C-alpha atoms as a PDB file:
ATOM      1  CA  MET A   1      23.101 -15.183  23.113  1.00  0.00           C
ATOM      2  CA  ASN A   2      23.790 -16.846  19.764  1.00  0.00           C
ATOM      3  CA  ILE A   3      21.240 -19.549  18.978  1.00  0.00           C
ATOM      4  CA  LYS A   4      21.620 -21.290  15.642  1.00  0.00           C
ATOM      5  CA  ILE A   5      18.522 -23.037  14.362  1.00  0.00           C
ATOM      6  CA  ASN A   6      18.593 -25.440  11.447  1.00  0.00           C
ATOM      7  CA  LYS A   7      18.152 -24.224   7.895  1.00  0.00           C
ATOM      8  CA  PHE A   8      14.548 -25.388   7.442  1.00  0.00           C
ATOM      9  CA  SER A   9      13.456 -23.860  10.747  1.00  0.00           C
ATOM     10  CA  PHE A  10      15.107 -20.539   9.851  1.00  0.00           C
ATOM     11  CA  ILE A  11      13.368 -20.420   6.469  1.00  0.00           C
ATOM     12  CA  PHE A  12      10.006 -21.367   8.001  1.00  0.00           C
ATOM     13  CA  CYS A  13      10.371 -18.822  10.815  1.00  0.00           C
ATOM     14  CA  VAL A  14      11.314 -15.867   8.609  1.00  0.00           C
ATOM     15  CA  ILE A  15       8.435 -16.564   6.221  1.00  0.00           C
ATOM     16  CA  ILE A  16       5.956 -16.800   9.123  1.00  0.00           C
ATOM     17  CA  ILE A  17       7.385 -13.650  10.750  1.00  0.00           C
ATOM     18  CA  THR A  18       7.107 -11.820   7.416  1.00  0.00           C
ATOM     19  CA  LEU A  19       3.482 -12.859   6.966  1.00  0.00           C
ATOM     20  CA  LEU A  20       2.518 -12.019  10.545  1.00  0.00           C
ATOM     21  CA  THR A  21       4.213  -8.622  10.297  1.00  0.00           C
ATOM     22  CA  THR A  22       2.530  -7.921   6.958  1.00  0.00           C
ATOM     23  CA  PHE A  23      -0.910  -8.854   8.271  1.00  0.00           C
ATOM     24  CA  LEU A  24      -0.425  -6.916  11.508  1.00  0.00           C
ATOM     25  CA  LEU A  25       0.720  -3.783   9.665  1.00  0.00           C
ATOM     26  CA  SER A  26      -2.161  -4.124   7.185  1.00  0.00           C
ATOM     27  CA  TYR A  27      -4.606  -4.433  10.061  1.00  0.00           C
ATOM     28  CA  ILE A  28      -3.182  -1.401  11.870  1.00  0.00           C
ATOM     29  CA  SER A  29      -3.107   0.579   8.613  1.00  0.00           C
ATOM     30  CA  SER A  30      -6.789  -0.178   8.050  1.00  0.00           C
ATOM     31  CA  PHE A  31      -7.627   2.056  11.042  1.00  0.00           C
ATOM     32  CA  PHE A  32      -6.073   4.972   9.159  1.00  0.00           C
ATOM     33  CA  ASN A  33      -7.952   4.256   5.909  1.00  0.00           C
ATOM     34  CA  VAL A  34      -4.739   3.344   4.139  1.00  0.00           C
ATOM     35  CA  SER A  35      -5.577   1.631   0.922  1.00  0.00           C
ATOM     36  CA  PRO A  36      -3.536  -1.545   0.413  1.00  0.00           C
ATOM     37  CA  SER A  37      -3.463  -0.906  -3.329  1.00  0.00           C
ATOM     38  CA  HIS A  38      -0.617   0.764  -5.101  1.00  0.00           C
ATOM     39  CA  SER A  39      -0.600   3.602  -7.623  1.00  0.00           C
ATOM     40  CA  GLU A  40      -3.421   4.292 -10.079  1.00  0.00           C
ATOM     41  CA  ILE A  41      -1.337   2.916 -12.936  1.00  0.00           C
ATOM     42  CA  ILE A  42      -1.076  -0.490 -11.275  1.00  0.00           C
ATOM     43  CA  ASN A  43      -4.772  -0.419 -10.304  1.00  0.00           C
ATOM     44  CA  ASN A  44      -5.633  -0.178 -13.998  1.00  0.00           C
ATOM     45  CA  TYR A  45      -3.623  -3.319 -14.854  1.00  0.00           C
ATOM     46  CA  SER A  46      -5.225  -6.686 -15.379  1.00  0.00           C
ATOM     47  CA  ALA A  47      -4.912  -9.230 -12.582  1.00  0.00           C
ATOM     48  CA  LEU A  48      -2.203 -11.104 -14.512  1.00  0.00           C
ATOM     49  CA  LYS A  49      -0.070  -7.984 -15.077  1.00  0.00           C
ATOM     50  CA  PHE A  50      -0.576  -6.971 -11.442  1.00  0.00           C
ATOM     51  CA  LEU A  51       0.432 -10.478 -10.332  1.00  0.00           C
ATOM     52  CA  ILE A  52       3.614 -10.391 -12.416  1.00  0.00           C
ATOM     53  CA  LEU A  53       4.570  -6.876 -11.289  1.00  0.00           C
ATOM     54  CA  LEU A  54       3.622  -7.123  -7.608  1.00  0.00           C
ATOM     55  CA  VAL A  55       4.588 -10.706  -6.893  1.00  0.00           C
ATOM     56  CA  PHE A  56       7.609 -11.325  -9.131  1.00  0.00           C
ATOM     57  CA  VAL A  57       9.187  -8.179 -10.557  1.00  0.00           C
ATOM     58  CA  ALA A  58       8.920  -5.819  -7.553  1.00  0.00           C
ATOM     59  CA  PRO A  59      10.283  -8.295  -4.973  1.00  0.00           C
ATOM     60  CA  LEU A  60      13.159  -9.255  -7.259  1.00  0.00           C
ATOM     61  CA  LEU A  61      14.204  -5.682  -8.053  1.00  0.00           C
ATOM     62  CA  GLU A  62      13.668  -4.451  -4.506  1.00  0.00           C
ATOM     63  CA  THR A  63      15.670  -7.350  -3.056  1.00  0.00           C
ATOM     64  CA  LEU A  64      18.534  -6.697  -5.471  1.00  0.00           C
ATOM     65  CA  PHE A  65      18.657  -2.933  -5.060  1.00  0.00           C
ATOM     66  CA  LEU A  66      17.089  -2.109  -1.687  1.00  0.00           C
ATOM     67  CA  GLN A  67      18.520  -4.922   0.372  1.00  0.00           C
ATOM     68  CA  ALA A  68      21.508  -6.554  -1.349  1.00  0.00           C
ATOM     69  CA  ALA A  69      23.093  -3.516  -3.020  1.00  0.00           C
ATOM     70  CA  ILE A  70      22.650  -1.186  -0.042  1.00  0.00           C
ATOM     71  CA  ILE A  71      23.766  -3.702   2.569  1.00  0.00           C
ATOM     72  CA  GLU A  72      26.725  -4.953   0.537  1.00  0.00           C
ATOM     73  CA  PHE A  73      27.791  -1.340  -0.131  1.00  0.00           C
ATOM     74  CA  PHE A  74      27.846  -0.579   3.596  1.00  0.00           C
ATOM     75  CA  LEU A  75      29.572  -3.824   4.506  1.00  0.00           C
ATOM     76  CA  TYR A  76      32.246  -3.946   1.816  1.00  0.00           C
ATOM     77  CA  HIS A  77      32.783  -0.417   0.533  1.00  0.00           C
ATOM     78  CA  LEU A  78      32.254   1.536   3.742  1.00  0.00           C
ATOM     79  CA  ASN A  79      33.444  -1.317   5.979  1.00  0.00           C
ATOM     80  CA  VAL A  80      30.608  -0.676   8.463  1.00  0.00           C
ATOM     81  CA  LYS A  81      30.758  -3.071  11.418  1.00  0.00           C
ATOM     82  CA  ASN A  82      27.514  -2.013  13.127  1.00  0.00           C
ATOM     83  CA  LEU A  83      24.841  -3.882  11.149  1.00  0.00           C
ATOM     84  CA  ILE A  84      22.047  -1.684  12.528  1.00  0.00           C
ATOM     85  CA  ILE A  85      23.142   1.139  10.214  1.00  0.00           C
ATOM     86  CA  PRO A  86      22.661  -0.679   6.878  1.00  0.00           C
ATOM     87  CA  ILE A  87      19.495  -2.363   8.168  1.00  0.00           C
ATOM     88  CA  PHE A  88      17.848   0.960   9.028  1.00  0.00           C
ATOM     89  CA  ILE A  89      19.080   2.778   5.930  1.00  0.00           C
ATOM     90  CA  SER A  90      17.840  -0.049   3.711  1.00  0.00           C
ATOM     91  CA  GLY A  91      14.470   0.027   5.501  1.00  0.00           C
ATOM     92  CA  LEU A  92      14.174   3.813   5.267  1.00  0.00           C
ATOM     93  CA  ILE A  93      14.928   3.806   1.542  1.00  0.00           C
ATOM     94  CA  PHE A  94      12.473   0.925   1.059  1.00  0.00           C
ATOM     95  CA  GLY A  95       9.757   2.848   2.911  1.00  0.00           C
ATOM     96  CA  SER A  96      10.539   6.136   1.154  1.00  0.00           C
ATOM     97  CA  LEU A  97      10.219   4.568  -2.280  1.00  0.00           C
ATOM     98  CA  HIS A  98       6.889   3.063  -1.285  1.00  0.00           C
ATOM     99  CA  TYR A  99       5.795   6.510  -0.103  1.00  0.00           C
ATOM    100  CA  LEU A 100       6.496   7.822  -3.600  1.00  0.00           C
ATOM    101  CA  ASN A 101       4.134   5.135  -4.875  1.00  0.00           C
ATOM    102  CA  THR A 102       1.216   6.106  -2.624  1.00  0.00           C
ATOM    103  CA  PHE A 103       2.049   9.479  -1.009  1.00  0.00           C
ATOM    104  CA  ASN A 104       0.673   8.107   2.230  1.00  0.00           C
ATOM    105  CA  PHE A 105       2.739   8.519   5.386  1.00  0.00           C
ATOM    106  CA  ILE A 106       1.152   5.575   7.260  1.00  0.00           C
ATOM    107  CA  TYR A 107       1.823   3.274   4.305  1.00  0.00           C
ATOM    108  CA  MET A 108       5.406   4.554   4.244  1.00  0.00           C
ATOM    109  CA  LEU A 109       5.854   3.710   7.949  1.00  0.00           C
ATOM    110  CA  ALA A 110       4.494   0.203   7.379  1.00  0.00           C
ATOM    111  CA  ALA A 111       6.758  -0.246   4.334  1.00  0.00           C
ATOM    112  CA  THR A 112       9.751   0.999   6.349  1.00  0.00           C
ATOM    113  CA  ILE A 113       9.092  -1.622   9.026  1.00  0.00           C
ATOM    114  CA  ILE A 114       8.797  -4.333   6.372  1.00  0.00           C
ATOM    115  CA  GLY A 115      11.976  -3.000   4.712  1.00  0.00           C
ATOM    116  CA  ILE A 116      13.824  -3.252   8.043  1.00  0.00           C
ATOM    117  CA  LEU A 117      12.531  -6.812   8.394  1.00  0.00           C
ATOM    118  CA  PHE A 118      13.724  -7.740   4.877  1.00  0.00           C
ATOM    119  CA  ALA A 119      17.152  -6.198   5.537  1.00  0.00           C
ATOM    120  CA  SER A 120      17.384  -8.126   8.809  1.00  0.00           C
ATOM    121  CA  ILE A 121      16.490 -11.363   7.035  1.00  0.00           C
ATOM    122  CA  TYR A 122      19.123 -10.636   4.387  1.00  0.00           C
ATOM    123  CA  ILE A 123      21.848 -10.001   6.966  1.00  0.00           C
ATOM    124  CA  ASN A 124      20.931 -12.981   9.140  1.00  0.00           C
ATOM    125  CA  ALA A 125      20.903 -15.321   6.147  1.00  0.00           C
ATOM    126  CA  LYS A 126      24.261 -13.893   5.041  1.00  0.00           C
ATOM    127  CA  ARG A 127      25.744 -14.438   8.502  1.00  0.00           C
ATOM    128  CA  ARG A 128      24.502 -18.030   8.597  1.00  0.00           C
ATOM    129  CA  GLY A 129      26.302 -18.877   5.367  1.00  0.00           C
ATOM    130  CA  ASP A 130      24.079 -21.869   4.545  1.00  0.00           C
ATOM    131  CA  ILE A 131      21.213 -19.872   3.026  1.00  0.00           C
ATOM    132  CA  ASN A 132      21.451 -17.553   0.036  1.00  0.00           C
ATOM    133  CA  PRO A 133      20.411 -14.137   1.413  1.00  0.00           C
ATOM    134  CA  LEU A 134      19.064 -12.966  -1.957  1.00  0.00           C
ATOM    135  CA  ILE A 135      16.837 -15.987  -2.376  1.00  0.00           C
ATOM    136  CA  ILE A 136      15.375 -16.059   1.147  1.00  0.00           C
ATOM    137  CA  THR A 137      14.736 -12.295   1.134  1.00  0.00           C
ATOM    138  CA  PHE A 138      13.079 -12.582  -2.285  1.00  0.00           C
ATOM    139  CA  VAL A 139      10.962 -15.530  -1.088  1.00  0.00           C
ATOM    140  CA  CYS A 140       9.778 -13.581   1.965  1.00  0.00           C
ATOM    141  CA  HIS A 141       8.974 -10.499  -0.127  1.00  0.00           C
ATOM    142  CA  PHE A 142       7.305 -12.677  -2.784  1.00  0.00           C
ATOM    143  CA  THR A 143       5.175 -14.399  -0.123  1.00  0.00           C
ATOM    144  CA  SER A 144       4.133 -11.092   1.432  1.00  0.00           C
ATOM    145  CA  ASN A 145       3.181  -9.603  -1.921  1.00  0.00           C
ATOM    146  CA  PHE A 146       1.422 -12.794  -3.043  1.00  0.00           C
ATOM    147  CA  PHE A 147      -0.875 -12.640  -0.032  1.00  0.00           C
ATOM    148  CA  ALA A 148      -1.479  -8.929  -0.715  1.00  0.00           C
ATOM    149  CA  PHE A 149      -2.408  -9.900  -4.279  1.00  0.00           C
ATOM    150  CA  LEU A 150      -4.802 -12.580  -3.020  1.00  0.00           C
ATOM    151  CA  LEU A 151      -6.479 -10.122  -0.659  1.00  0.00           C
ATOM    152  CA  LYS A 152      -6.934  -7.622  -3.490  1.00  0.00           C
ATOM    153  CA  TYR A 153      -8.396 -10.107  -5.972  1.00  0.00           C
ATOM    154  CA  LEU A 154     -10.391 -12.460  -3.714  1.00  0.00           C
END
């Protein structure tokens, strides 16, 4: 079944799905005493530096390298037709890099799920053709991290 929703509805839906997934994974992680904070270096930053790094820089770099570069490599250089492969590899790399930031397996699983979601958003936006996949993936990641920032500093 191929249902095409309008551009605004797609953007609204993926942002809501991202937020719901983030909150659900944070809630589940709380049962395992997984701290939502990142490494000790970031914890020592001021709120403004943390905001810039967590909400702007990380989503931008991760979208460019962990979604766009990986997915485009599989699609254009390896000519992979099964989109599940680049989605899962992108998500696994996303989760693995977040594991290196916390050394917590539960956090890594949650980050892998979010990474799979971001890769799926990227591919679906790319397939639509009327939404820039980099921008919508960045916006979803930005929104997720912004709410994480608010929870940490409120």
